[in-house]
Amino acid sequence: MSHLRGNSFLGVFAYSYLKDYFVGLPESEKQIIETNLQWLVSLRKAAIDEAIRRGK
């Protein structure tokens, strides 16, 4: 769980540094990146919720 939580954090963190680069991409690629970002955020939240449920 901690690896999953950490890896999803790194993805969200990397997005924050690279978002200026994404401005020049075609709209379809921006949509894919945005979808992936939302997936990472959801995955991180689920991992945190599971850790709380397990009492960690």
C-alpha atoms as a PDB file:
ATOM      1  CA  MET A   1       0.000   0.000   0.000  1.00  0.00           C
ATOM      2  CA  SER A   2       2.757   2.436   0.868  1.00  0.00           C
ATOM      3  CA  HIS A   3       4.443   1.842  -2.518  1.00  0.00           C
ATOM      4  CA  LEU A   4       1.166   2.428  -4.317  1.00  0.00           C
ATOM      5  CA  ARG A   5       0.545   5.605  -2.352  1.00  0.00           C
ATOM      6  CA  GLY A   6       4.098   6.829  -2.954  1.00  0.00           C
ATOM      7  CA  ASN A   7       4.126   6.046  -6.661  1.00  0.00           C
ATOM      8  CA  SER A   8       0.821   7.806  -7.254  1.00  0.00           C
ATOM      9  CA  PHE A   9       2.141  10.825  -5.329  1.00  0.00           C
ATOM     10  CA  LEU A  10       5.197  10.922  -7.590  1.00  0.00           C
ATOM     11  CA  GLY A  11       2.962  10.905 -10.667  1.00  0.00           C
ATOM     12  CA  VAL A  12       0.865  13.803  -9.386  1.00  0.00           C
ATOM     13  CA  PHE A  13       4.014  15.657  -8.304  1.00  0.00           C
ATOM     14  CA  ALA A  14       5.628  15.156 -11.732  1.00  0.00           C
ATOM     15  CA  TYR A  15       2.476  16.458 -13.408  1.00  0.00           C
ATOM     16  CA  SER A  16       2.736  19.709 -11.442  1.00  0.00           C
ATOM     17  CA  TYR A  17       6.251  20.271 -12.779  1.00  0.00           C
ATOM     18  CA  LEU A  18       5.464  19.260 -16.352  1.00  0.00           C
ATOM     19  CA  LYS A  19       2.077  20.936 -16.836  1.00  0.00           C
ATOM     20  CA  ASP A  20       3.637  23.926 -18.625  1.00  0.00           C
ATOM     21  CA  TYR A  21       5.073  21.500 -21.193  1.00  0.00           C
ATOM     22  CA  PHE A  22       1.621  20.018 -21.812  1.00  0.00           C
ATOM     23  CA  VAL A  23       0.269  23.346 -23.100  1.00  0.00           C
ATOM     24  CA  GLY A  24       1.815  22.772 -26.523  1.00  0.00           C
ATOM     25  CA  LEU A  25       0.469  19.239 -26.957  1.00  0.00           C
ATOM     26  CA  PRO A  26      -2.484  18.321 -29.165  1.00  0.00           C
ATOM     27  CA  GLU A  27      -5.848  18.296 -27.410  1.00  0.00           C
ATOM     28  CA  SER A  28      -6.159  14.508 -27.585  1.00  0.00           C
ATOM     29  CA  GLU A  29      -2.856  14.044 -25.737  1.00  0.00           C
ATOM     30  CA  LYS A  30      -3.842  16.626 -23.121  1.00  0.00           C
ATOM     31  CA  GLN A  31      -7.042  14.650 -22.506  1.00  0.00           C
ATOM     32  CA  ILE A  32      -5.084  11.421 -22.039  1.00  0.00           C
ATOM     33  CA  ILE A  33      -2.733  13.112 -19.577  1.00  0.00           C
ATOM     34  CA  GLU A  34      -5.655  14.637 -17.676  1.00  0.00           C
ATOM     35  CA  THR A  35      -7.373  11.249 -17.491  1.00  0.00           C
ATOM     36  CA  ASN A  36      -4.171   9.675 -16.199  1.00  0.00           C
ATOM     37  CA  LEU A  37      -3.812  12.420 -13.590  1.00  0.00           C
ATOM     38  CA  GLN A  38      -7.355  11.830 -12.345  1.00  0.00           C
ATOM     39  CA  TRP A  39      -6.641   8.102 -12.196  1.00  0.00           C
ATOM     40  CA  LEU A  40      -3.506   8.721 -10.110  1.00  0.00           C
ATOM     41  CA  VAL A  41      -5.403  11.003  -7.726  1.00  0.00           C
ATOM     42  CA  SER A  42      -8.166   8.402  -7.330  1.00  0.00           C
ATOM     43  CA  LEU A  43      -5.622   5.640  -6.820  1.00  0.00           C
ATOM     44  CA  ARG A  44      -3.795   7.656  -4.158  1.00  0.00           C
ATOM     45  CA  LYS A  45      -7.043   8.423  -2.352  1.00  0.00           C
ATOM     46  CA  ALA A  46      -8.046   4.748  -2.425  1.00  0.00           C
ATOM     47  CA  ALA A  47      -4.638   3.715  -1.044  1.00  0.00           C
ATOM     48  CA  ILE A  48      -4.906   6.274   1.766  1.00  0.00           C
ATOM     49  CA  ASP A  49      -8.465   5.206   2.565  1.00  0.00           C
ATOM     50  CA  GLU A  50      -7.357   1.561   2.680  1.00  0.00           C
ATOM     51  CA  ALA A  51      -4.437   2.408   4.976  1.00  0.00           C
ATOM     52  CA  ILE A  52      -6.833   4.219   7.302  1.00  0.00           C
ATOM     53  CA  ARG A  53      -9.214   1.273   7.191  1.00  0.00           C
ATOM     54  CA  ARG A  54      -6.343  -1.017   8.178  1.00  0.00           C
ATOM     55  CA  GLY A  55      -5.314   1.359  10.960  1.00  0.00           C
ATOM     56  CA  LYS A  56      -1.958   2.346   9.484  1.00  0.00           C
END
